[in-house]
Amino acid sequence: MTENETAQKVNLNDDQRMVIENMHKIFLEALRHREQEILRFLAILAPALGGFIWLLKLYSDENVEPVVFIVGTMGVLFLLTLGAAYSLALGYNFRTIIRQLATLESEECLNIDQYILKSWPRKTEDFKKFLLKKMQKIPWCSPPEIIRIFWWAFNIGIIGVTAIGCYTCTTKGTWFIFLFGMTCIVTSMYVPYHYGKKTHDACDEEEAKKGLTFKAETNKT
């Protein structure tokens, strides 16, 4: 057995248990609110794509100068990248809440983990395996299902706007659209690694903390 598995259970008094149960309820509510953020994604995605379509029409009718079209296209790309980054940040927050709930539900705390779905990671080592499951040795923190759909929608939007913008623009400024679009998509694909490494490091710190606590309790006995 590992040190974490042999750690002694915490004896909670009534006040401590009530506080932890309230914390558990608050985190569950926070988890539910994260799933209700869809309207915010639509508030970014729809105006950005609608604005780009309007800009395309103006440019095709020669009602705007090429420089205006280039700047406007880059603005749309920035909004789409912002939406992708927001969805990834929300996904990271979602995973963090899941980890905190797993800690509260563990046998060292409320001891109700046997009633929770087994498909969800329950321990720090399980979370680390989950992060490494898709990219092998590279920690990768992608958003949960419904948020991931919008993340891919933003990525597809970035690629589509970049391609259409480069095809439509007839000046040398096309390179600005292309380079900025590539920067946006690379940024969107890098952020999951950033949050994955951040989560993986947090799991390492949590394991180290539990190991020190176990050794301290062992020395006392």
Protein backbone atom coordinates (compact mmCIF):
# COMPACT_ATOMS: atom_id res chain seq x y z
CA MET A 1 0.00 0.00 0.00
CA THR A 2 1.16 3.56 -0.68
CA GLU A 3 1.59 6.24 1.96
CA ASN A 4 -1.59 7.98 0.80
CA GLU A 5 -3.58 4.76 1.12
CA THR A 6 -2.33 4.06 4.63
CA ALA A 7 -2.86 7.60 5.90
CA GLN A 8 -5.02 7.81 8.96
CA LYS A 9 -8.58 9.01 8.64
CA VAL A 10 -9.40 12.42 10.07
CA ASN A 11 -11.80 12.38 12.99
CA LEU A 12 -14.23 15.23 12.39
CA ASN A 13 -16.36 16.81 15.06
CA ASP A 14 -19.89 18.00 14.27
CA ASP A 15 -18.87 21.59 13.50
CA GLN A 16 -16.06 20.54 11.18
CA ARG A 17 -18.29 18.11 9.35
CA MET A 18 -21.00 20.74 8.90
CA VAL A 19 -18.47 23.22 7.47
CA ILE A 20 -17.08 20.61 5.05
CA GLU A 21 -20.57 19.56 3.97
CA ASN A 22 -21.39 23.22 3.24
CA MET A 23 -18.16 23.51 1.26
CA HIS A 24 -19.13 20.41 -0.71
CA LYS A 25 -22.53 21.92 -1.49
CA ILE A 26 -20.95 25.21 -2.61
CA PHE A 27 -18.51 23.43 -4.93
CA LEU A 28 -21.34 21.39 -6.45
CA GLU A 29 -23.24 24.62 -7.14
CA ALA A 30 -20.10 26.14 -8.68
CA LEU A 31 -19.77 23.07 -10.90
CA ARG A 32 -23.36 23.47 -12.07
CA HIS A 33 -22.79 27.16 -12.85
CA ARG A 34 -19.78 26.28 -15.02
CA GLU A 35 -22.08 24.21 -17.19
CA GLN A 36 -24.39 27.22 -17.62
CA GLU A 37 -21.72 29.40 -19.26
CA ILE A 38 -22.90 28.47 -22.77
CA LEU A 39 -24.63 31.81 -23.30
CA ARG A 40 -21.32 33.61 -22.76
CA PHE A 41 -19.71 31.51 -25.47
CA LEU A 42 -22.53 32.38 -27.84
CA ALA A 43 -22.17 36.05 -26.90
CA ILE A 44 -18.59 35.93 -28.22
CA LEU A 45 -18.92 33.49 -31.12
CA ALA A 46 -22.06 34.86 -32.80
CA PRO A 47 -21.10 38.58 -32.89
CA ALA A 48 -17.54 37.75 -34.03
CA LEU A 49 -18.67 35.60 -36.97
CA GLY A 50 -21.57 37.93 -37.78
CA GLY A 51 -19.24 40.92 -37.78
CA PHE A 52 -16.83 39.13 -40.11
CA ILE A 53 -19.63 38.29 -42.57
CA TRP A 54 -20.72 41.95 -42.52
CA LEU A 55 -17.09 43.01 -43.09
CA LEU A 56 -16.80 40.61 -46.03
CA LYS A 57 -19.89 42.10 -47.63
CA LEU A 58 -18.60 45.66 -47.23
CA TYR A 59 -15.22 44.71 -48.68
CA SER A 60 -16.74 42.86 -51.64
CA ASP A 61 -18.85 45.94 -52.38
CA GLU A 62 -15.69 48.09 -52.15
CA ASN A 63 -17.16 50.12 -49.31
CA VAL A 64 -14.08 49.73 -47.09
CA GLU A 65 -10.36 50.04 -47.73
CA PRO A 66 -8.13 46.94 -47.61
CA VAL A 67 -6.44 48.18 -44.44
CA VAL A 68 -9.81 48.40 -42.71
CA PHE A 69 -10.62 44.86 -43.81
CA ILE A 70 -7.26 43.59 -42.53
CA VAL A 71 -7.61 45.30 -39.14
CA GLY A 72 -11.23 44.18 -38.83
CA THR A 73 -10.32 40.57 -39.65
CA MET A 74 -7.55 40.62 -37.07
CA GLY A 75 -10.04 42.00 -34.54
CA VAL A 76 -12.40 39.09 -35.26
CA LEU A 77 -9.51 36.63 -34.83
CA PHE A 78 -8.63 38.23 -31.52
CA LEU A 79 -12.22 37.83 -30.29
CA LEU A 80 -12.30 34.17 -31.33
CA THR A 81 -8.97 33.55 -29.58
CA LEU A 82 -10.32 35.26 -26.49
CA GLY A 83 -13.33 32.92 -26.59
CA ALA A 84 -11.08 29.87 -26.96
CA ALA A 85 -8.90 31.00 -24.04
CA TYR A 86 -12.00 31.68 -21.92
CA SER A 87 -13.38 28.20 -22.61
CA LEU A 88 -10.04 26.63 -21.64
CA ALA A 89 -9.83 28.70 -18.46
CA LEU A 90 -13.36 27.62 -17.60
CA GLY A 91 -12.40 24.00 -18.28
CA TYR A 92 -9.38 24.31 -15.98
CA ASN A 93 -11.60 25.77 -13.27
CA PHE A 94 -14.03 22.88 -13.81
CA ARG A 95 -11.24 20.30 -13.35
CA THR A 96 -9.98 22.11 -10.24
CA ILE A 97 -13.44 21.97 -8.66
CA ILE A 98 -13.64 18.24 -9.50
CA ARG A 99 -10.31 17.69 -7.72
CA GLN A 100 -11.51 19.62 -4.68
CA LEU A 101 -14.76 17.65 -4.57
CA ALA A 102 -12.79 14.40 -4.78
CA THR A 103 -10.73 15.51 -1.79
CA LEU A 104 -13.83 16.35 0.26
CA GLU A 105 -15.49 13.04 -0.68
CA SER A 106 -12.43 10.90 0.11
CA GLU A 107 -12.26 8.46 3.00
CA GLU A 108 -9.95 10.87 4.84
CA CYS A 109 -12.76 13.45 4.91
CA LEU A 110 -16.50 12.82 4.34
CA ASN A 111 -15.88 9.19 3.34
CA ILE A 112 -18.57 9.12 0.65
CA ASP A 113 -16.36 8.36 -2.36
CA GLN A 114 -17.85 4.85 -2.60
CA TYR A 115 -21.14 6.47 -3.65
CA ILE A 116 -19.59 8.55 -6.46
CA LEU A 117 -19.31 7.43 -10.09
CA LYS A 118 -16.12 5.40 -10.54
CA SER A 119 -15.55 6.82 -14.01
CA TRP A 120 -14.45 10.13 -12.44
CA PRO A 121 -10.87 10.42 -11.14
CA ARG A 122 -10.82 10.10 -7.36
CA LYS A 123 -7.16 10.46 -6.35
CA THR A 124 -4.25 12.68 -7.36
CA GLU A 125 -2.55 9.84 -9.24
CA ASP A 126 -5.81 9.25 -11.14
CA PHE A 127 -5.93 12.90 -12.16
CA LYS A 128 -2.33 12.74 -13.34
CA LYS A 129 -3.11 9.66 -15.45
CA PHE A 130 -6.15 11.47 -16.84
CA LEU A 131 -3.99 14.46 -17.88
CA LEU A 132 -1.45 12.19 -19.60
CA LYS A 133 -4.03 9.91 -21.26
CA LYS A 134 -4.39 11.85 -24.52
CA MET A 135 -0.85 13.11 -25.13
CA GLN A 136 1.16 10.37 -23.38
CA LYS A 137 3.99 12.21 -21.58
CA ILE A 138 2.56 15.70 -22.17
CA PRO A 139 0.00 16.89 -19.60
CA TRP A 140 -3.11 18.07 -21.47
CA CYS A 141 -6.07 19.72 -19.73
CA SER A 142 -8.88 19.97 -22.26
CA PRO A 143 -12.33 21.27 -21.23
CA PRO A 144 -15.22 18.92 -20.39
CA GLU A 145 -17.54 17.81 -23.18
CA ILE A 146 -19.98 20.71 -23.67
CA ILE A 147 -17.29 23.36 -23.17
CA ARG A 148 -14.93 21.43 -25.48
CA ILE A 149 -17.48 21.73 -28.29
CA PHE A 150 -17.29 25.52 -28.10
CA TRP A 151 -13.49 25.42 -27.83
CA TRP A 152 -13.35 23.51 -31.12
CA ALA A 153 -15.93 25.89 -32.58
CA PHE A 154 -13.65 28.83 -31.75
CA ASN A 155 -10.65 26.99 -33.26
CA ILE A 156 -12.56 26.18 -36.44
CA GLY A 157 -13.70 29.80 -36.53
CA ILE A 158 -10.09 31.02 -36.29
CA ILE A 159 -8.98 28.72 -39.11
CA GLY A 160 -12.00 29.62 -41.26
CA VAL A 161 -11.69 33.39 -40.78
CA THR A 162 -7.95 33.21 -41.48
CA ALA A 163 -8.45 31.19 -44.66
CA ILE A 164 -11.32 33.31 -45.97
CA GLY A 165 -9.56 36.54 -45.03
CA CYS A 166 -6.37 35.52 -46.86
CA TYR A 167 -8.35 34.39 -49.90
CA THR A 168 -10.47 37.55 -50.04
CA CYS A 169 -7.79 40.17 -49.38
CA THR A 170 -6.01 41.19 -52.59
CA THR A 171 -3.13 43.17 -51.10
CA LYS A 172 0.19 42.28 -49.49
CA GLY A 173 -1.51 42.78 -46.14
CA THR A 174 -2.73 39.20 -46.49
CA TRP A 175 0.44 38.16 -44.66
CA PHE A 176 -0.71 40.08 -41.58
CA ILE A 177 -3.94 38.07 -41.52
CA PHE A 178 -2.10 34.79 -42.08
CA LEU A 179 0.56 35.36 -39.42
CA PHE A 180 -1.91 36.68 -36.87
CA GLY A 181 -4.28 33.78 -37.54
CA MET A 182 -1.46 31.23 -37.08
CA THR A 183 -0.46 32.95 -33.84
CA CYS A 184 -4.05 32.72 -32.60
CA ILE A 185 -4.44 29.01 -33.37
CA VAL A 186 -1.03 28.16 -31.84
CA THR A 187 -2.00 30.10 -28.72
CA SER A 188 -5.31 28.25 -28.49
CA MET A 189 -3.54 24.88 -28.80
CA TYR A 190 -0.83 25.81 -26.28
CA VAL A 191 -3.15 26.83 -23.44
CA PRO A 192 -4.38 23.24 -22.74
CA TYR A 193 -0.73 22.25 -22.19
CA HIS A 194 -0.24 25.25 -19.87
CA TYR A 195 -3.25 24.32 -17.74
CA GLY A 196 -2.35 20.63 -17.94
CA LYS A 197 1.14 21.28 -16.57
CA LYS A 198 -0.32 23.58 -13.93
CA THR A 199 -2.76 20.88 -12.79
CA HIS A 200 -0.09 18.16 -12.94
CA ASP A 201 2.25 20.26 -10.77
CA ALA A 202 -0.59 20.90 -8.31
CA CYS A 203 -1.16 17.13 -8.05
CA ASP A 204 2.56 16.61 -7.39
CA GLU A 205 2.48 19.23 -4.63
CA GLU A 206 -0.61 17.62 -3.10
CA GLU A 207 1.05 14.19 -3.10
CA ALA A 208 4.20 15.63 -1.53
CA LYS A 209 2.11 17.39 1.14
CA LYS A 210 0.25 14.18 1.97
CA GLY A 211 3.55 12.32 2.15
CA LEU A 212 4.97 14.83 4.63
CA THR A 213 1.77 14.68 6.71
CA PHE A 214 1.92 10.88 6.79
CA LYS A 215 5.58 10.91 7.91
CA ALA A 216 4.80 13.46 10.62
CA GLU A 217 1.93 11.33 11.94
CA THR A 218 4.14 8.23 11.82
CA ASN A 219 6.86 9.95 13.84
CA LYS A 220 4.32 10.98 16.49
CA THR A 221 3.21 7.40 16.97
